[in-house]
Amino acid sequence: MADEVVISVEIHGQRYPIRSGLDQEYVARLASYVDEKMRAAADSTPTGDALRVAVLTALNVADELFRCRDGTRARNGELAERAGELERLLDRVLIS
């Protein structure tokens, strides 16, 4: 892993020092994404409770992750099925 550095990011009005070996621009993009999600959750939640907003944000991001994973699995299954069909077709052609 690359040398770790401390990157200062702002999320939902709070500054956080992030120690990471990841690219600084990438970490800033992650923080910006989380900040955007936090603001959206805060806009849809009447309470100003930061913990509640953070939990709602975490649930929304987890939902995005699960949907992405499910889509990838479905796509992989579809590709495997098509590969099997092609293999059977080739077998018929080569055996004839």
N, C-alpha and C. Protein backbone atom coordinates (compact mmCIF):
# COMPACT_ATOMS: atom_id res chain seq x y z
N MET A 1 0.85 -1.18 0.00
CA MET A 1 0.00 0.00 0.00
C MET A 1 0.89 1.24 0.00
N ALA A 2 0.41 2.28 -0.65
CA ALA A 2 1.18 3.53 -0.72
C ALA A 2 1.37 4.11 0.67
N ASP A 3 2.29 5.04 0.77
CA ASP A 3 2.49 5.72 2.05
C ASP A 3 1.21 6.41 2.47
N GLU A 4 0.90 6.29 3.74
CA GLU A 4 -0.31 6.91 4.25
C GLU A 4 -0.08 8.39 4.50
N VAL A 5 -1.10 9.17 4.19
CA VAL A 5 -1.09 10.60 4.46
C VAL A 5 -2.41 10.95 5.14
N VAL A 6 -2.46 12.10 5.75
CA VAL A 6 -3.70 12.57 6.36
C VAL A 6 -4.34 13.56 5.39
N ILE A 7 -5.57 13.26 5.05
CA ILE A 7 -6.34 14.08 4.12
C ILE A 7 -7.50 14.68 4.90
N SER A 8 -7.64 15.99 4.85
CA SER A 8 -8.72 16.66 5.56
C SER A 8 -9.92 16.78 4.61
N VAL A 9 -11.06 16.24 5.05
CA VAL A 9 -12.28 16.33 4.25
C VAL A 9 -13.39 16.93 5.10
N GLU A 10 -14.38 17.47 4.43
CA GLU A 10 -15.54 18.01 5.13
C GLU A 10 -16.78 17.25 4.70
N ILE A 11 -17.50 16.73 5.70
CA ILE A 11 -18.74 16.00 5.46
C ILE A 11 -19.80 16.55 6.39
N HIS A 12 -20.88 17.04 5.79
CA HIS A 12 -22.02 17.57 6.53
C HIS A 12 -21.59 18.63 7.56
N GLY A 13 -20.72 19.51 7.10
CA GLY A 13 -20.30 20.63 7.95
C GLY A 13 -19.24 20.31 8.98
N GLN A 14 -18.73 19.09 9.01
CA GLN A 14 -17.70 18.69 9.97
C GLN A 14 -16.42 18.34 9.22
N ARG A 15 -15.30 18.73 9.78
CA ARG A 15 -13.99 18.39 9.21
C ARG A 15 -13.51 17.09 9.81
N TYR A 16 -12.98 16.21 8.94
CA TYR A 16 -12.46 14.92 9.38
C TYR A 16 -11.07 14.70 8.80
N PRO A 17 -10.10 14.38 9.65
CA PRO A 17 -8.78 13.99 9.11
C PRO A 17 -8.83 12.49 8.78
N ILE A 18 -8.56 12.16 7.55
CA ILE A 18 -8.61 10.77 7.09
C ILE A 18 -7.19 10.31 6.79
N ARG A 19 -6.73 9.31 7.52
CA ARG A 19 -5.40 8.73 7.26
C ARG A 19 -5.59 7.60 6.26
N SER A 20 -4.93 7.73 5.10
CA SER A 20 -5.15 6.74 4.05
C SER A 20 -3.95 6.67 3.11
N GLY A 21 -3.77 5.51 2.53
CA GLY A 21 -2.78 5.32 1.49
C GLY A 21 -3.40 5.44 0.10
N LEU A 22 -4.71 5.72 0.06
CA LEU A 22 -5.39 5.89 -1.21
C LEU A 22 -5.06 7.25 -1.81
N ASP A 23 -5.30 7.38 -3.08
CA ASP A 23 -5.10 8.64 -3.78
C ASP A 23 -5.94 9.73 -3.12
N GLN A 24 -5.33 10.87 -2.88
CA GLN A 24 -6.02 11.95 -2.16
C GLN A 24 -7.27 12.43 -2.91
N GLU A 25 -7.18 12.50 -4.22
CA GLU A 25 -8.33 12.94 -5.01
C GLU A 25 -9.48 11.94 -4.89
N TYR A 26 -9.15 10.66 -4.85
CA TYR A 26 -10.16 9.62 -4.69
C TYR A 26 -10.86 9.75 -3.33
N VAL A 27 -10.09 9.96 -2.29
CA VAL A 27 -10.66 10.12 -0.95
C VAL A 27 -11.55 11.37 -0.92
N ALA A 28 -11.12 12.43 -1.57
CA ALA A 28 -11.93 13.64 -1.63
C ALA A 28 -13.24 13.38 -2.37
N ARG A 29 -13.20 12.58 -3.43
CA ARG A 29 -14.42 12.23 -4.16
C ARG A 29 -15.36 11.39 -3.29
N LEU A 30 -14.80 10.45 -2.54
CA LEU A 30 -15.61 9.65 -1.62
C LEU A 30 -16.30 10.55 -0.60
N ALA A 31 -15.52 11.46 -0.02
CA ALA A 31 -16.07 12.36 0.99
C ALA A 31 -17.16 13.25 0.39
N SER A 32 -16.95 13.71 -0.82
CA SER A 32 -17.94 14.54 -1.49
C SER A 32 -19.23 13.76 -1.72
N TYR A 33 -19.10 12.50 -2.11
CA TYR A 33 -20.26 11.64 -2.32
C TYR A 33 -21.04 11.45 -1.02
N VAL A 34 -20.32 11.15 0.05
CA VAL A 34 -20.97 10.95 1.36
C VAL A 34 -21.62 12.26 1.81
N ASP A 35 -20.95 13.38 1.59
CA ASP A 35 -21.52 14.68 1.96
C ASP A 35 -22.82 14.92 1.19
N GLU A 36 -22.81 14.62 -0.09
CA GLU A 36 -24.01 14.78 -0.91
C GLU A 36 -25.16 13.91 -0.39
N LYS A 37 -24.85 12.67 -0.04
CA LYS A 37 -25.86 11.76 0.49
C LYS A 37 -26.37 12.23 1.85
N MET A 38 -25.47 12.75 2.67
CA MET A 38 -25.86 13.27 4.00
C MET A 38 -26.81 14.46 3.83
N ARG A 39 -26.49 15.33 2.91
CA ARG A 39 -27.35 16.50 2.69
C ARG A 39 -28.73 16.08 2.20
N ALA A 40 -28.78 15.08 1.30
CA ALA A 40 -30.07 14.59 0.80
C ALA A 40 -30.87 13.97 1.93
N ALA A 41 -30.21 13.20 2.79
CA ALA A 41 -30.91 12.58 3.93
C ALA A 41 -31.40 13.66 4.89
N ALA A 42 -30.57 14.68 5.12
CA ALA A 42 -30.95 15.76 6.03
C ALA A 42 -32.15 16.53 5.48
N ASP A 43 -32.19 16.70 4.16
CA ASP A 43 -33.31 17.43 3.54
C ASP A 43 -34.62 16.66 3.67
N SER A 44 -34.53 15.32 3.72
CA SER A 44 -35.75 14.52 3.79
C SER A 44 -36.13 14.14 5.21
N THR A 45 -35.31 14.56 6.18
CA THR A 45 -35.57 14.24 7.58
C THR A 45 -35.74 15.53 8.36
N PRO A 46 -36.90 15.73 8.99
CA PRO A 46 -37.13 17.00 9.67
C PRO A 46 -36.23 17.23 10.89
N THR A 47 -35.73 16.18 11.50
CA THR A 47 -34.91 16.34 12.69
C THR A 47 -33.48 16.76 12.31
N GLY A 48 -32.83 17.47 13.16
CA GLY A 48 -31.46 17.88 12.92
C GLY A 48 -30.45 16.93 13.54
N ASP A 49 -30.91 15.77 13.96
CA ASP A 49 -30.06 14.80 14.63
C ASP A 49 -29.04 14.22 13.65
N ALA A 50 -27.77 14.54 13.86
CA ALA A 50 -26.70 14.11 12.95
C ALA A 50 -26.56 12.60 12.91
N LEU A 51 -26.75 11.93 14.04
CA LEU A 51 -26.64 10.48 14.06
C LEU A 51 -27.73 9.85 13.20
N ARG A 52 -28.94 10.35 13.33
CA ARG A 52 -30.06 9.83 12.51
C ARG A 52 -29.77 10.04 11.03
N VAL A 53 -29.27 11.21 10.67
CA VAL A 53 -28.93 11.50 9.27
C VAL A 53 -27.82 10.56 8.79
N ALA A 54 -26.83 10.31 9.64
CA ALA A 54 -25.73 9.41 9.27
C ALA A 54 -26.23 7.98 9.06
N VAL A 55 -27.13 7.53 9.91
CA VAL A 55 -27.68 6.17 9.77
C VAL A 55 -28.51 6.06 8.50
N LEU A 56 -29.35 7.06 8.22
CA LEU A 56 -30.13 7.04 6.99
C LEU A 56 -29.22 7.06 5.77
N THR A 57 -28.16 7.83 5.85
CA THR A 57 -27.19 7.88 4.75
C THR A 57 -26.54 6.52 4.55
N ALA A 58 -26.13 5.89 5.65
CA ALA A 58 -25.51 4.57 5.57
C ALA A 58 -26.46 3.56 4.95
N LEU A 59 -27.73 3.61 5.32
CA LEU A 59 -28.72 2.70 4.74
C LEU A 59 -28.89 2.94 3.25
N ASN A 60 -28.92 4.20 2.85
CA ASN A 60 -29.06 4.52 1.42
C ASN A 60 -27.86 4.03 0.62
N VAL A 61 -26.67 4.24 1.14
CA VAL A 61 -25.47 3.79 0.44
C VAL A 61 -25.40 2.26 0.41
N ALA A 62 -25.80 1.61 1.50
CA ALA A 62 -25.84 0.14 1.53
C ALA A 62 -26.84 -0.37 0.50
N ASP A 63 -27.98 0.29 0.38
CA ASP A 63 -28.97 -0.09 -0.63
C ASP A 63 -28.37 0.01 -2.03
N GLU A 64 -27.66 1.08 -2.31
CA GLU A 64 -27.01 1.23 -3.62
C GLU A 64 -26.02 0.09 -3.87
N LEU A 65 -25.24 -0.23 -2.85
CA LEU A 65 -24.25 -1.30 -2.97
C LEU A 65 -24.93 -2.64 -3.24
N PHE A 66 -25.96 -2.97 -2.48
CA PHE A 66 -26.66 -4.25 -2.65
C PHE A 66 -27.30 -4.34 -4.03
N ARG A 67 -27.91 -3.25 -4.49
CA ARG A 67 -28.52 -3.25 -5.82
C ARG A 67 -27.46 -3.45 -6.90
N CYS A 68 -26.33 -2.83 -6.72
CA CYS A 68 -25.22 -2.99 -7.68
C CYS A 68 -24.74 -4.44 -7.68
N ARG A 69 -24.54 -5.01 -6.50
CA ARG A 69 -24.11 -6.41 -6.39
C ARG A 69 -25.13 -7.34 -7.02
N ASP A 70 -26.41 -7.12 -6.72
CA ASP A 70 -27.46 -7.98 -7.28
C ASP A 70 -27.49 -7.88 -8.80
N GLY A 71 -27.32 -6.67 -9.31
CA GLY A 71 -27.29 -6.48 -10.76
C GLY A 71 -26.11 -7.18 -11.40
N THR A 72 -24.97 -7.14 -10.73
CA THR A 72 -23.77 -7.81 -11.24
C THR A 72 -23.97 -9.32 -11.22
N ARG A 73 -24.54 -9.84 -10.16
CA ARG A 73 -24.80 -11.28 -10.07
C ARG A 73 -25.78 -11.71 -11.16
N ALA A 74 -26.83 -10.93 -11.35
CA ALA A 74 -27.82 -11.26 -12.37
C ALA A 74 -27.17 -11.25 -13.75
N ARG A 75 -26.34 -10.24 -13.99
CA ARG A 75 -25.65 -10.12 -15.29
C ARG A 75 -24.68 -11.28 -15.48
N ASN A 76 -23.97 -11.66 -14.43
CA ASN A 76 -23.05 -12.79 -14.53
C ASN A 76 -23.80 -14.08 -14.81
N GLY A 77 -24.96 -14.27 -14.18
CA GLY A 77 -25.78 -15.45 -14.43
C GLY A 77 -26.28 -15.48 -15.86
N GLU A 78 -26.69 -14.32 -16.36
CA GLU A 78 -27.16 -14.22 -17.73
C GLU A 78 -26.03 -14.56 -18.71
N LEU A 79 -24.84 -14.04 -18.44
CA LEU A 79 -23.69 -14.32 -19.30
C LEU A 79 -23.32 -15.80 -19.27
N ALA A 80 -23.38 -16.41 -18.10
CA ALA A 80 -23.07 -17.83 -17.98
C ALA A 80 -24.09 -18.66 -18.77
N GLU A 81 -25.35 -18.27 -18.69
CA GLU A 81 -26.39 -18.98 -19.43
C GLU A 81 -26.16 -18.86 -20.94
N ARG A 82 -25.84 -17.66 -21.40
CA ARG A 82 -25.58 -17.45 -22.82
C ARG A 82 -24.34 -18.21 -23.27
N ALA A 83 -23.31 -18.25 -22.44
CA ALA A 83 -22.10 -19.00 -22.77
C ALA A 83 -22.43 -20.49 -22.90
N GLY A 84 -23.29 -20.99 -22.01
CA GLY A 84 -23.71 -22.38 -22.09
C GLY A 84 -24.47 -22.67 -23.37
N GLU A 85 -25.34 -21.74 -23.77
CA GLU A 85 -26.08 -21.91 -25.02
C GLU A 85 -25.14 -21.95 -26.21
N LEU A 86 -24.16 -21.05 -26.21
CA LEU A 86 -23.17 -21.03 -27.30
C LEU A 86 -22.36 -22.32 -27.34
N GLU A 87 -22.00 -22.81 -26.17
CA GLU A 87 -21.24 -24.05 -26.10
C GLU A 87 -22.05 -25.22 -26.66
N ARG A 88 -23.32 -25.29 -26.31
CA ARG A 88 -24.18 -26.36 -26.83
C ARG A 88 -24.35 -26.24 -28.35
N LEU A 89 -24.49 -25.02 -28.84
CA LEU A 89 -24.61 -24.79 -30.27
C LEU A 89 -23.34 -25.24 -31.00
N LEU A 90 -22.20 -24.87 -30.46
CA LEU A 90 -20.92 -25.28 -31.05
C LEU A 90 -20.77 -26.79 -31.04
N ASP A 91 -21.17 -27.40 -29.93
CA ASP A 91 -21.10 -28.88 -29.85
C ASP A 91 -21.93 -29.51 -30.97
N ARG A 92 -23.14 -29.00 -31.21
CA ARG A 92 -24.00 -29.56 -32.25
C ARG A 92 -23.38 -29.39 -33.63
N VAL A 93 -22.78 -28.22 -33.86
CA VAL A 93 -22.19 -27.95 -35.16
C VAL A 93 -20.94 -28.81 -35.36
N LEU A 94 -20.12 -28.93 -34.36
CA LEU A 94 -18.87 -29.68 -34.48
C LEU A 94 -19.11 -31.18 -34.55
N ILE A 95 -20.15 -31.67 -33.92
CA ILE A 95 -20.44 -33.09 -33.92
C ILE A 95 -21.05 -33.51 -35.26
N SER A 96 -21.76 -32.63 -35.92
CA SER A 96 -22.43 -32.94 -37.19
C SER A 96 -21.47 -33.21 -38.31
